[in-house]
Amino acid sequence: MGMRIRKKWDLLSEQNGALAVLAVAFLLGGAAGCLLAALSGGAGAEELGRYLTDYLSLAQKGELPRRLWPLLWGQARFLIAALVLGLTVLGLAGLPVLFGIRGFFFSFSVACFCRVFGVRGLFPAFVLSALPALLWAPALFLAGVYGFLSAQQLLHRSMGESRSGIAINGVWWCRAGLCTGLALAAGLLEYWVVPVLLRAAAHIIL
């Protein structure tokens, strides 16, 4: 009984460690995205302002081009990469890099709206970026944490420290299916709900 409890605590500690590594990588990428948006000035800032103004103008008129499959792929590609990286030792380095890139793109889009429109830019930024993140972020972190632990197991096995490896069983497939479903739901949300809310945000901003 005591051995079982210790194993559960060890697993929980490992999960917390993996979560901390990926969260730090995501936040560092996010900080880089905010910094890049803040440093844009001169012609670059003017071009960014024109682009976002034109983008919101199209959204206001309901003429924003949005196709379903590219949106679904855009949400699922990071998750698929996380699942694949978790099957190899490369996941130990690849997953933090992936999370850093995801954090960069997420914060850069939010920071650009705030850079151009000020506090008012938080509304379209939330609709366009943060709202779908309520679905894809839990899926990405769930897949990333378990993928990071699997990559650790593969490293220990390759060094002869352990015989345990990746168990691609029913639990793995259920977890992967749940994460994929959340990512696809984020894409559907971006396709059906975001344009309506973005149109309302455009009326407020413009």
N, C-alpha and C. Protein backbone atom coordinates (compact mmCIF):
# COMPACT_ATOMS: atom_id res chain seq x y z
N MET A 1 0.82 -1.20 0.00
CA MET A 1 0.00 0.00 0.00
C MET A 1 0.86 1.25 0.00
N GLY A 2 1.90 1.23 0.91
CA GLY A 2 2.80 2.38 0.97
C GLY A 2 3.57 2.57 -0.31
N MET A 3 3.99 1.46 -0.94
CA MET A 3 4.72 1.54 -2.21
C MET A 3 3.84 2.14 -3.30
N ARG A 4 2.57 1.78 -3.30
CA ARG A 4 1.64 2.30 -4.30
C ARG A 4 1.44 3.81 -4.12
N ILE A 5 1.33 4.24 -2.87
CA ILE A 5 1.16 5.67 -2.60
C ILE A 5 2.40 6.45 -3.02
N ARG A 6 3.59 5.87 -2.73
CA ARG A 6 4.83 6.55 -3.12
C ARG A 6 4.94 6.67 -4.63
N LYS A 7 4.51 5.64 -5.35
CA LYS A 7 4.56 5.69 -6.81
C LYS A 7 3.61 6.76 -7.34
N LYS A 8 2.43 6.90 -6.71
CA LYS A 8 1.50 7.93 -7.14
C LYS A 8 2.07 9.31 -6.89
N TRP A 9 2.72 9.49 -5.73
CA TRP A 9 3.32 10.78 -5.44
C TRP A 9 4.48 11.08 -6.38
N ASP A 10 5.26 10.05 -6.71
CA ASP A 10 6.37 10.23 -7.65
C ASP A 10 5.84 10.63 -9.03
N LEU A 11 4.76 9.97 -9.47
CA LEU A 11 4.18 10.30 -10.76
C LEU A 11 3.64 11.72 -10.77
N LEU A 12 2.98 12.11 -9.66
CA LEU A 12 2.45 13.46 -9.57
C LEU A 12 3.57 14.49 -9.60
N SER A 13 4.68 14.18 -8.92
CA SER A 13 5.83 15.08 -8.93
C SER A 13 6.44 15.20 -10.32
N GLU A 14 6.52 14.09 -11.03
CA GLU A 14 7.05 14.11 -12.40
C GLU A 14 6.14 14.92 -13.32
N GLN A 15 4.83 14.75 -13.15
CA GLN A 15 3.88 15.50 -13.97
C GLN A 15 3.99 16.99 -13.69
N ASN A 16 4.12 17.35 -12.42
CA ASN A 16 4.27 18.77 -12.07
C ASN A 16 5.56 19.34 -12.65
N GLY A 17 6.63 18.54 -12.63
CA GLY A 17 7.89 19.00 -13.20
C GLY A 17 7.79 19.22 -14.70
N ALA A 18 7.16 18.27 -15.39
CA ALA A 18 6.98 18.41 -16.85
C ALA A 18 6.10 19.61 -17.16
N LEU A 19 5.03 19.79 -16.38
CA LEU A 19 4.15 20.94 -16.58
C LEU A 19 4.90 22.25 -16.37
N ALA A 20 5.76 22.29 -15.36
CA ALA A 20 6.53 23.51 -15.09
C ALA A 20 7.46 23.84 -16.25
N VAL A 21 8.13 22.82 -16.79
CA VAL A 21 9.06 23.04 -17.91
C VAL A 21 8.33 23.60 -19.11
N LEU A 22 7.20 22.98 -19.45
CA LEU A 22 6.44 23.41 -20.63
C LEU A 22 5.79 24.77 -20.41
N ALA A 23 5.32 25.03 -19.19
CA ALA A 23 4.71 26.32 -18.89
C ALA A 23 5.74 27.45 -18.99
N VAL A 24 6.94 27.20 -18.49
CA VAL A 24 8.01 28.20 -18.57
C VAL A 24 8.36 28.47 -20.04
N ALA A 25 8.45 27.40 -20.83
CA ALA A 25 8.76 27.57 -22.26
C ALA A 25 7.67 28.37 -22.95
N PHE A 26 6.40 28.09 -22.62
CA PHE A 26 5.28 28.82 -23.20
C PHE A 26 5.33 30.29 -22.81
N LEU A 27 5.62 30.56 -21.55
CA LEU A 27 5.67 31.95 -21.07
C LEU A 27 6.86 32.70 -21.67
N LEU A 28 7.98 32.02 -21.83
CA LEU A 28 9.13 32.68 -22.46
C LEU A 28 8.83 33.03 -23.91
N GLY A 29 8.18 32.10 -24.61
CA GLY A 29 7.77 32.41 -25.98
C GLY A 29 6.78 33.55 -26.02
N GLY A 30 5.86 33.56 -25.04
CA GLY A 30 4.90 34.65 -24.98
C GLY A 30 5.56 35.99 -24.70
N ALA A 31 6.55 35.99 -23.82
CA ALA A 31 7.28 37.22 -23.53
C ALA A 31 8.01 37.73 -24.76
N ALA A 32 8.58 36.80 -25.53
CA ALA A 32 9.26 37.20 -26.77
C ALA A 32 8.28 37.80 -27.77
N GLY A 33 7.07 37.22 -27.86
CA GLY A 33 6.06 37.76 -28.75
C GLY A 33 5.62 39.16 -28.35
N CYS A 34 5.42 39.38 -27.06
CA CYS A 34 5.04 40.72 -26.57
C CYS A 34 6.15 41.73 -26.82
N LEU A 35 7.39 41.29 -26.61
CA LEU A 35 8.52 42.19 -26.82
C LEU A 35 8.66 42.59 -28.27
N LEU A 36 8.49 41.62 -29.17
CA LEU A 36 8.60 41.93 -30.60
C LEU A 36 7.51 42.90 -31.03
N ALA A 37 6.29 42.69 -30.54
CA ALA A 37 5.18 43.60 -30.88
C ALA A 37 5.44 44.99 -30.32
N ALA A 38 5.99 45.07 -29.12
CA ALA A 38 6.24 46.36 -28.48
C ALA A 38 7.36 47.13 -29.17
N LEU A 39 8.33 46.39 -29.74
CA LEU A 39 9.47 47.04 -30.37
C LEU A 39 9.18 47.51 -31.80
N SER A 40 8.04 47.09 -32.35
CA SER A 40 7.72 47.52 -33.71
C SER A 40 7.44 49.02 -33.72
N GLY A 41 8.07 49.71 -34.63
CA GLY A 41 7.89 51.15 -34.72
C GLY A 41 8.13 51.64 -36.13
N GLY A 42 7.87 52.91 -36.35
CA GLY A 42 8.10 53.49 -37.66
C GLY A 42 7.21 52.90 -38.72
N ALA A 43 7.81 52.55 -39.85
CA ALA A 43 7.06 52.01 -40.98
C ALA A 43 6.41 50.68 -40.62
N GLY A 44 7.11 49.89 -39.81
CA GLY A 44 6.55 48.59 -39.43
C GLY A 44 5.28 48.74 -38.61
N ALA A 45 5.26 49.70 -37.69
CA ALA A 45 4.06 49.93 -36.87
C ALA A 45 2.91 50.45 -37.73
N GLU A 46 3.22 51.33 -38.68
CA GLU A 46 2.18 51.85 -39.57
C GLU A 46 1.59 50.74 -40.43
N GLU A 47 2.45 49.89 -40.95
CA GLU A 47 1.97 48.78 -41.77
C GLU A 47 1.11 47.83 -40.96
N LEU A 48 1.53 47.56 -39.71
CA LEU A 48 0.75 46.70 -38.83
C LEU A 48 -0.61 47.32 -38.54
N GLY A 49 -0.63 48.64 -38.28
CA GLY A 49 -1.89 49.33 -38.02
C GLY A 49 -2.84 49.26 -39.21
N ARG A 50 -2.30 49.45 -40.42
CA ARG A 50 -3.15 49.36 -41.61
C ARG A 50 -3.69 47.95 -41.80
N TYR A 51 -2.83 46.97 -41.57
CA TYR A 51 -3.25 45.58 -41.75
C TYR A 51 -4.37 45.21 -40.79
N LEU A 52 -4.23 45.56 -39.52
CA LEU A 52 -5.25 45.20 -38.54
C LEU A 52 -6.54 45.99 -38.76
N THR A 53 -6.41 47.25 -39.17
CA THR A 53 -7.60 48.05 -39.47
C THR A 53 -8.36 47.47 -40.65
N ASP A 54 -7.64 47.09 -41.71
CA ASP A 54 -8.29 46.46 -42.86
C ASP A 54 -8.91 45.12 -42.48
N TYR A 55 -8.22 44.38 -41.61
CA TYR A 55 -8.72 43.08 -41.15
C TYR A 55 -10.04 43.25 -40.41
N LEU A 56 -10.10 44.21 -39.49
CA LEU A 56 -11.34 44.44 -38.75
C LEU A 56 -12.43 45.02 -39.64
N SER A 57 -12.04 45.79 -40.66
CA SER A 57 -13.04 46.32 -41.60
C SER A 57 -13.70 45.19 -42.37
N LEU A 58 -12.92 44.23 -42.79
CA LEU A 58 -13.50 43.07 -43.48
C LEU A 58 -14.39 42.27 -42.54
N ALA A 59 -13.96 42.13 -41.27
CA ALA A 59 -14.77 41.41 -40.29
C ALA A 59 -16.08 42.14 -40.03
N GLN A 60 -16.02 43.46 -40.00
CA GLN A 60 -17.22 44.27 -39.76
C GLN A 60 -18.23 44.09 -40.88
N LYS A 61 -17.74 43.95 -42.11
CA LYS A 61 -18.62 43.78 -43.26
C LYS A 61 -19.02 42.32 -43.49
N GLY A 62 -18.45 41.42 -42.70
CA GLY A 62 -18.73 40.00 -42.89
C GLY A 62 -18.07 39.42 -44.11
N GLU A 63 -16.99 40.05 -44.56
CA GLU A 63 -16.30 39.62 -45.78
C GLU A 63 -14.96 38.97 -45.48
N LEU A 64 -14.74 38.62 -44.23
CA LEU A 64 -13.46 38.01 -43.86
C LEU A 64 -13.39 36.59 -44.40
N PRO A 65 -12.42 36.29 -45.27
CA PRO A 65 -12.33 34.93 -45.83
C PRO A 65 -11.90 33.92 -44.78
N ARG A 66 -12.71 32.91 -44.54
CA ARG A 66 -12.39 31.88 -43.55
C ARG A 66 -12.84 30.54 -44.12
N ARG A 67 -11.89 29.63 -44.24
CA ARG A 67 -12.18 28.28 -44.72
C ARG A 67 -12.00 27.30 -43.58
N LEU A 68 -12.87 26.31 -43.54
CA LEU A 68 -12.93 25.40 -42.39
C LEU A 68 -11.66 24.57 -42.24
N TRP A 69 -11.23 23.91 -43.32
CA TRP A 69 -10.11 22.97 -43.18
C TRP A 69 -8.80 23.64 -42.79
N PRO A 70 -8.45 24.79 -43.35
CA PRO A 70 -7.24 25.46 -42.87
C PRO A 70 -7.31 25.84 -41.40
N LEU A 71 -8.50 26.22 -40.92
CA LEU A 71 -8.64 26.56 -39.51
C LEU A 71 -8.48 25.33 -38.62
N LEU A 72 -9.06 24.22 -39.04
CA LEU A 72 -8.91 22.98 -38.28
C LEU A 72 -7.46 22.53 -38.25
N TRP A 73 -6.79 22.63 -39.39
CA TRP A 73 -5.39 22.24 -39.44
C TRP A 73 -4.54 23.18 -38.59
N GLY A 74 -4.86 24.46 -38.62
CA GLY A 74 -4.11 25.42 -37.83
C GLY A 74 -4.19 25.13 -36.34
N GLN A 75 -5.31 24.61 -35.88
CA GLN A 75 -5.45 24.28 -34.47
C GLN A 75 -4.87 22.90 -34.14
N ALA A 76 -4.93 21.98 -35.09
CA ALA A 76 -4.51 20.60 -34.81
C ALA A 76 -3.02 20.37 -35.01
N ARG A 77 -2.34 21.20 -35.79
CA ARG A 77 -0.95 20.91 -36.14
C ARG A 77 -0.02 20.91 -34.93
N PHE A 78 -0.23 21.84 -34.00
CA PHE A 78 0.63 21.87 -32.81
C PHE A 78 0.38 20.66 -31.93
N LEU A 79 -0.88 20.25 -31.83
CA LEU A 79 -1.21 19.07 -31.04
C LEU A 79 -0.61 17.81 -31.66
N ILE A 80 -0.72 17.68 -32.97
CA ILE A 80 -0.15 16.51 -33.65
C ILE A 80 1.37 16.48 -33.45
N ALA A 81 2.00 17.64 -33.55
CA ALA A 81 3.45 17.71 -33.32
C ALA A 81 3.80 17.28 -31.90
N ALA A 82 2.98 17.70 -30.93
CA ALA A 82 3.24 17.32 -29.54
C ALA A 82 3.09 15.81 -29.34
N LEU A 83 2.06 15.23 -29.96
CA LEU A 83 1.87 13.78 -29.85
C LEU A 83 3.01 13.01 -30.48
N VAL A 84 3.48 13.46 -31.63
CA VAL A 84 4.57 12.77 -32.32
C VAL A 84 5.88 12.91 -31.54
N LEU A 85 6.16 14.12 -31.06
CA LEU A 85 7.40 14.34 -30.30
C LEU A 85 7.42 13.50 -29.02
N GLY A 86 6.25 13.27 -28.44
CA GLY A 86 6.19 12.46 -27.23
C GLY A 86 6.52 11.01 -27.45
N LEU A 87 6.61 10.58 -28.70
CA LEU A 87 6.95 9.19 -29.02
C LEU A 87 8.44 9.00 -29.24
N THR A 88 9.23 10.04 -29.11
CA THR A 88 10.66 9.97 -29.35
C THR A 88 11.41 10.68 -28.23
N VAL A 89 12.70 10.40 -28.12
CA VAL A 89 13.54 11.09 -27.15
C VAL A 89 13.66 12.57 -27.49
N LEU A 90 13.47 12.91 -28.76
CA LEU A 90 13.56 14.31 -29.18
C LEU A 90 12.52 15.18 -28.50
N GLY A 91 11.49 14.54 -27.92
CA GLY A 91 10.47 15.31 -27.23
C GLY A 91 11.00 16.10 -26.04
N LEU A 92 12.10 15.64 -25.44
CA LEU A 92 12.66 16.36 -24.29
C LEU A 92 13.10 17.77 -24.68
N ALA A 93 13.60 17.93 -25.88
CA ALA A 93 13.98 19.26 -26.35
C ALA A 93 12.91 19.85 -27.27
N GLY A 94 12.28 18.99 -28.07
CA GLY A 94 11.33 19.47 -29.07
C GLY A 94 10.05 20.02 -28.45
N LEU A 95 9.56 19.41 -27.37
CA LEU A 95 8.32 19.88 -26.77
C LEU A 95 8.46 21.28 -26.15
N PRO A 96 9.53 21.56 -25.38
CA PRO A 96 9.68 22.95 -24.91
C PRO A 96 9.80 23.96 -26.05
N VAL A 97 10.50 23.58 -27.12
CA VAL A 97 10.61 24.48 -28.27
C VAL A 97 9.24 24.70 -28.90
N LEU A 98 8.47 23.62 -29.04
CA LEU A 98 7.12 23.72 -29.61
C LEU A 98 6.24 24.63 -28.77
N PHE A 99 6.30 24.47 -27.45
CA PHE A 99 5.50 25.31 -26.57
C PHE A 99 5.96 26.76 -26.60
N GLY A 100 7.25 26.97 -26.75
CA GLY A 100 7.74 28.33 -26.89
C GLY A 100 7.22 29.00 -28.15
N ILE A 101 7.20 28.25 -29.24
CA ILE A 101 6.68 28.80 -30.51
C ILE A 101 5.19 29.09 -30.39
N ARG A 102 4.46 28.16 -29.76
CA ARG A 102 3.01 28.38 -29.60
C ARG A 102 2.73 29.60 -28.72
N GLY A 103 3.49 29.74 -27.66
CA GLY A 103 3.33 30.91 -26.80
C GLY A 103 3.67 32.20 -27.52
N PHE A 104 4.69 32.14 -28.39
CA PHE A 104 5.08 33.34 -29.15
C PHE A 104 3.96 33.80 -30.06
N PHE A 105 3.41 32.89 -30.86
CA PHE A 105 2.35 33.27 -31.79
C PHE A 105 1.09 33.74 -31.07
N PHE A 106 0.79 33.09 -29.94
CA PHE A 106 -0.40 33.48 -29.18
C PHE A 106 -0.26 34.91 -28.65
N SER A 107 0.84 35.18 -27.98
CA SER A 107 0.99 36.50 -27.37
C SER A 107 1.27 37.59 -28.40
N PHE A 108 1.92 37.24 -29.49
CA PHE A 108 2.24 38.24 -30.51
C PHE A 108 0.96 38.79 -31.13
N SER A 109 -0.01 37.91 -31.41
CA SER A 109 -1.26 38.39 -32.01
C SER A 109 -2.02 39.28 -31.02
N VAL A 110 -2.04 38.89 -29.74
CA VAL A 110 -2.71 39.71 -28.73
C VAL A 110 -2.01 41.05 -28.57
N ALA A 111 -0.69 41.01 -28.49
CA ALA A 111 0.08 42.24 -28.27
C ALA A 111 -0.02 43.19 -29.46
N CYS A 112 -0.15 42.66 -30.66
CA CYS A 112 -0.28 43.53 -31.84
C CYS A 112 -1.57 44.34 -31.79
N PHE A 113 -2.66 43.69 -31.39
CA PHE A 113 -3.92 44.43 -31.28
C PHE A 113 -3.82 45.52 -30.21
N CYS A 114 -3.19 45.20 -29.10
CA CYS A 114 -3.03 46.20 -28.04
C CYS A 114 -2.06 47.29 -28.46
N ARG A 115 -1.07 46.94 -29.24
CA ARG A 115 -0.08 47.92 -29.72
C ARG A 115 -0.74 48.95 -30.63
N VAL A 116 -1.70 48.51 -31.44
CA VAL A 116 -2.34 49.38 -32.42
C VAL A 116 -3.53 50.12 -31.83
N PHE A 117 -4.38 49.39 -31.08
CA PHE A 117 -5.65 49.98 -30.62
C PHE A 117 -5.67 50.29 -29.13
N GLY A 118 -4.59 50.00 -28.43
CA GLY A 118 -4.57 50.27 -27.00
C GLY A 118 -5.40 49.26 -26.23
N VAL A 119 -6.01 49.73 -25.13
CA VAL A 119 -6.81 48.84 -24.29
C VAL A 119 -7.99 48.27 -25.06
N ARG A 120 -8.54 49.04 -26.00
CA ARG A 120 -9.68 48.55 -26.79
C ARG A 120 -9.33 47.30 -27.59
N GLY A 121 -8.04 47.15 -27.90
CA GLY A 121 -7.62 46.00 -28.68
C GLY A 121 -7.75 44.68 -27.94
N LEU A 122 -7.97 44.74 -26.61
CA LEU A 122 -8.12 43.50 -25.85
C LEU A 122 -9.37 42.73 -26.26
N PHE A 123 -10.42 43.44 -26.68
CA PHE A 123 -11.65 42.75 -27.06
C PHE A 123 -11.47 41.89 -28.32
N PRO A 124 -11.01 42.46 -29.44
CA PRO A 124 -10.78 41.59 -30.60
C PRO A 124 -9.69 40.57 -30.36
N ALA A 125 -8.68 40.92 -29.55
CA ALA A 125 -7.61 39.96 -29.25
C ALA A 125 -8.15 38.76 -28.48
N PHE A 126 -9.05 39.03 -27.53
CA PHE A 126 -9.66 37.92 -26.78
C PHE A 126 -10.50 37.04 -27.69
N VAL A 127 -11.30 37.68 -28.54
CA VAL A 127 -12.18 36.92 -29.43
C VAL A 127 -11.37 36.06 -30.40
N LEU A 128 -10.33 36.65 -30.97
CA LEU A 128 -9.59 35.98 -32.03
C LEU A 128 -8.60 34.96 -31.48
N SER A 129 -7.99 35.24 -30.35
CA SER A 129 -6.91 34.37 -29.85
C SER A 129 -7.24 33.66 -28.55
N ALA A 130 -7.70 34.42 -27.55
CA ALA A 130 -7.89 33.82 -26.23
C ALA A 130 -9.09 32.89 -26.15
N LEU A 131 -10.16 33.20 -26.88
CA LEU A 131 -11.35 32.35 -26.83
C LEU A 131 -11.08 30.94 -27.34
N PRO A 132 -10.47 30.75 -28.53
CA PRO A 132 -10.11 29.39 -28.94
C PRO A 132 -9.09 28.74 -28.01
N ALA A 133 -8.25 29.56 -27.35
CA ALA A 133 -7.23 29.02 -26.45
C ALA A 133 -7.85 28.32 -25.24
N LEU A 134 -9.08 28.65 -24.90
CA LEU A 134 -9.75 27.97 -23.80
C LEU A 134 -9.95 26.49 -24.11
N LEU A 135 -9.90 26.12 -25.38
CA LEU A 135 -10.05 24.73 -25.79
C LEU A 135 -8.72 24.09 -26.16
N TRP A 136 -7.90 24.80 -26.98
CA TRP A 136 -6.67 24.15 -27.46
C TRP A 136 -5.58 24.11 -26.39
N ALA A 137 -5.56 25.08 -25.48
CA ALA A 137 -4.49 25.11 -24.48
C ALA A 137 -4.53 23.90 -23.53
N PRO A 138 -5.70 23.53 -22.95
CA PRO A 138 -5.71 22.32 -22.12
C PRO A 138 -5.30 21.07 -22.89
N ALA A 139 -5.74 20.97 -24.15
CA ALA A 139 -5.38 19.81 -24.96
C ALA A 139 -3.88 19.76 -25.21
N LEU A 140 -3.29 20.90 -25.54
CA LEU A 140 -1.86 20.94 -25.83
C LEU A 140 -1.03 20.62 -24.60
N PHE A 141 -1.41 21.16 -23.46
CA PHE A 141 -0.64 20.90 -22.24
C PHE A 141 -0.81 19.47 -21.76
N LEU A 142 -2.01 18.92 -21.91
CA LEU A 142 -2.21 17.53 -21.53
C LEU A 142 -1.35 16.60 -22.37
N ALA A 143 -1.38 16.81 -23.69
CA ALA A 143 -0.55 15.98 -24.57
C ALA A 143 0.93 16.24 -24.32
N GLY A 144 1.30 17.49 -24.06
CA GLY A 144 2.70 17.84 -23.85
C GLY A 144 3.28 17.24 -22.59
N VAL A 145 2.53 17.27 -21.50
CA VAL A 145 3.03 16.73 -20.23
C VAL A 145 3.28 15.24 -20.34
N TYR A 146 2.30 14.51 -20.84
CA TYR A 146 2.48 13.06 -20.96
C TYR A 146 3.51 12.72 -22.04
N GLY A 147 3.60 13.53 -23.08
CA GLY A 147 4.63 13.30 -24.09
C GLY A 147 6.02 13.53 -23.53
N PHE A 148 6.16 14.55 -22.70
CA PHE A 148 7.46 14.84 -22.07
C PHE A 148 7.88 13.69 -21.15
N LEU A 149 6.92 13.16 -20.37
CA LEU A 149 7.23 12.03 -19.50
C LEU A 149 7.59 10.78 -20.31
N SER A 150 6.91 10.56 -21.42
CA SER A 150 7.22 9.41 -22.29
C SER A 150 8.62 9.55 -22.87
N ALA A 151 8.98 10.77 -23.29
CA ALA A 151 10.32 11.00 -23.81
C ALA A 151 11.39 10.75 -22.75
N GLN A 152 11.09 11.11 -21.49
CA GLN A 152 12.01 10.82 -20.40
C GLN A 152 12.20 9.33 -20.21
N GLN A 153 11.10 8.59 -20.29
CA GLN A 153 11.19 7.14 -20.15
C GLN A 153 12.04 6.53 -21.26
N LEU A 154 11.88 7.03 -22.47
CA LEU A 154 12.68 6.53 -23.58
C LEU A 154 14.16 6.84 -23.38
N LEU A 155 14.46 8.01 -22.84
CA LEU A 155 15.86 8.36 -22.57
C LEU A 155 16.45 7.43 -21.52
N HIS A 156 15.72 7.19 -20.43
CA HIS A 156 16.21 6.28 -19.39
C HIS A 156 16.39 4.86 -19.94
N ARG A 157 15.49 4.45 -20.83
CA ARG A 157 15.60 3.11 -21.41
C ARG A 157 16.82 3.01 -22.32
N SER A 158 17.08 4.06 -23.10
CA SER A 158 18.23 4.04 -24.00
C SER A 158 19.55 4.03 -23.23
N MET A 159 19.53 4.55 -22.00
CA MET A 159 20.74 4.57 -21.17
C MET A 159 20.83 3.35 -20.27
N GLY A 160 19.87 2.44 -20.40
CA GLY A 160 19.89 1.21 -19.62
C GLY A 160 19.45 1.38 -18.19
N GLU A 161 18.83 2.53 -17.86
CA GLU A 161 18.41 2.77 -16.49
C GLU A 161 17.02 2.24 -16.20
N SER A 162 16.29 1.93 -17.25
CA SER A 162 14.93 1.44 -17.07
C SER A 162 14.54 0.61 -18.28
N ARG A 163 13.59 -0.29 -18.07
CA ARG A 163 13.07 -1.11 -19.16
C ARG A 163 11.70 -0.64 -19.62
N SER A 164 11.15 0.32 -18.94
CA SER A 164 9.82 0.81 -19.31
C SER A 164 9.91 1.69 -20.53
N GLY A 165 8.92 1.60 -21.39
CA GLY A 165 8.87 2.41 -22.61
C GLY A 165 7.50 3.01 -22.79
N ILE A 166 7.23 3.45 -23.98
CA ILE A 166 5.94 4.06 -24.27
C ILE A 166 4.88 2.98 -24.43
N ALA A 167 3.78 3.17 -23.74
CA ALA A 167 2.67 2.24 -23.85
C ALA A 167 1.57 2.88 -24.70
N ILE A 168 1.57 2.54 -25.99
CA ILE A 168 0.51 3.05 -26.87
C ILE A 168 -0.67 2.09 -26.76
N ASN A 169 -1.44 2.30 -25.72
CA ASN A 169 -2.57 1.42 -25.43
C ASN A 169 -3.87 2.20 -25.49
N GLY A 170 -4.91 1.63 -24.90
CA GLY A 170 -6.20 2.29 -24.93
C GLY A 170 -6.20 3.64 -24.22
N VAL A 171 -5.43 3.73 -23.12
CA VAL A 171 -5.36 5.00 -22.39
C VAL A 171 -4.73 6.07 -23.26
N TRP A 172 -3.64 5.70 -23.97
CA TRP A 172 -2.95 6.68 -24.83
C TRP A 172 -3.89 7.16 -25.94
N TRP A 173 -4.62 6.22 -26.56
CA TRP A 173 -5.52 6.59 -27.65
C TRP A 173 -6.68 7.44 -27.15
N CYS A 174 -7.20 7.12 -25.96
CA CYS A 174 -8.28 7.93 -25.40
C CYS A 174 -7.80 9.35 -25.10
N ARG A 175 -6.60 9.45 -24.55
CA ARG A 175 -6.05 10.77 -24.27
C ARG A 175 -5.81 11.55 -25.56
N ALA A 176 -5.24 10.87 -26.54
CA ALA A 176 -5.00 11.53 -27.82
C ALA A 176 -6.30 11.94 -28.49
N GLY A 177 -7.32 11.08 -28.39
CA GLY A 177 -8.61 11.42 -28.98
C GLY A 177 -9.27 12.60 -28.29
N LEU A 178 -9.16 12.65 -26.95
CA LEU A 178 -9.72 13.78 -26.21
C LEU A 178 -9.04 15.08 -26.60
N CYS A 179 -7.71 15.05 -26.67
CA CYS A 179 -6.96 16.25 -27.03
C CYS A 179 -7.28 16.69 -28.46
N THR A 180 -7.36 15.73 -29.36
CA THR A 180 -7.69 16.05 -30.75
C THR A 180 -9.09 16.64 -30.85
N GLY A 181 -10.03 16.09 -30.09
CA GLY A 181 -11.38 16.62 -30.10
C GLY A 181 -11.43 18.07 -29.62
N LEU A 182 -10.66 18.38 -28.58
CA LEU A 182 -10.62 19.76 -28.08
C LEU A 182 -10.00 20.70 -29.11
N ALA A 183 -8.94 20.24 -29.77
CA ALA A 183 -8.29 21.08 -30.78
C ALA A 183 -9.23 21.33 -31.96
N LEU A 184 -9.92 20.29 -32.41
CA LEU A 184 -10.88 20.47 -33.51
C LEU A 184 -12.05 21.35 -33.09
N ALA A 185 -12.47 21.23 -31.83
CA ALA A 185 -13.54 22.10 -31.34
C ALA A 185 -13.10 23.55 -31.34
N ALA A 186 -11.82 23.79 -31.05
CA ALA A 186 -11.29 25.16 -31.12
C ALA A 186 -11.34 25.67 -32.55
N GLY A 187 -11.05 24.79 -33.52
CA GLY A 187 -11.14 25.20 -34.92
C GLY A 187 -12.57 25.51 -35.34
N LEU A 188 -13.53 24.69 -34.88
CA LEU A 188 -14.93 24.94 -35.20
C LEU A 188 -15.42 26.23 -34.53
N LEU A 189 -14.96 26.46 -33.31
CA LEU A 189 -15.30 27.71 -32.64
C LEU A 189 -14.77 28.91 -33.42
N GLU A 190 -13.55 28.77 -33.92
CA GLU A 190 -12.95 29.86 -34.69
C GLU A 190 -13.68 30.07 -36.02
N TYR A 191 -14.28 29.01 -36.53
CA TYR A 191 -14.97 29.10 -37.82
C TYR A 191 -16.37 29.66 -37.69
N TRP A 192 -17.11 29.24 -36.65
CA TRP A 192 -18.51 29.63 -36.53
C TRP A 192 -18.75 30.80 -35.58
N VAL A 193 -18.10 30.80 -34.43
CA VAL A 193 -18.41 31.78 -33.38
C VAL A 193 -17.55 33.03 -33.49
N VAL A 194 -16.26 32.85 -33.72
CA VAL A 194 -15.33 33.98 -33.73
C VAL A 194 -15.73 35.07 -34.74
N PRO A 195 -16.12 34.73 -35.99
CA PRO A 195 -16.50 35.80 -36.92
C PRO A 195 -17.64 36.68 -36.42
N VAL A 196 -18.61 36.08 -35.75
CA VAL A 196 -19.74 36.86 -35.23
C VAL A 196 -19.28 37.82 -34.14
N LEU A 197 -18.50 37.31 -33.20
CA LEU A 197 -18.01 38.16 -32.10
C LEU A 197 -17.00 39.19 -32.62
N LEU A 198 -16.22 38.79 -33.61
CA LEU A 198 -15.23 39.72 -34.17
C LEU A 198 -15.92 40.88 -34.89
N ARG A 199 -17.06 40.61 -35.50
CA ARG A 199 -17.83 41.66 -36.16
C ARG A 199 -18.31 42.69 -35.12
N ALA A 200 -18.76 42.18 -33.97
CA ALA A 200 -19.18 43.08 -32.89
C ALA A 200 -18.00 43.87 -32.36
N ALA A 201 -16.84 43.22 -32.24
CA ALA A 201 -15.65 43.93 -31.77
C ALA A 201 -15.22 45.00 -32.75
N ALA A 202 -15.36 44.72 -34.04
CA ALA A 202 -14.98 45.70 -35.06
C ALA A 202 -15.86 46.93 -34.99
N HIS A 203 -17.14 46.75 -34.68
CA HIS A 203 -18.06 47.89 -34.54
C HIS A 203 -17.63 48.77 -33.37
N ILE A 204 -17.07 48.17 -32.34
CA ILE A 204 -16.62 48.94 -31.17
C ILE A 204 -15.32 49.68 -31.47
N ILE A 205 -14.41 49.00 -32.17
CA ILE A 205 -13.07 49.56 -32.38
C ILE A 205 -13.08 50.63 -33.47
N LEU A 206 -13.75 50.36 -34.60
CA LEU A 206 -13.66 51.24 -35.76
C LEU A 206 -14.71 52.36 -35.71
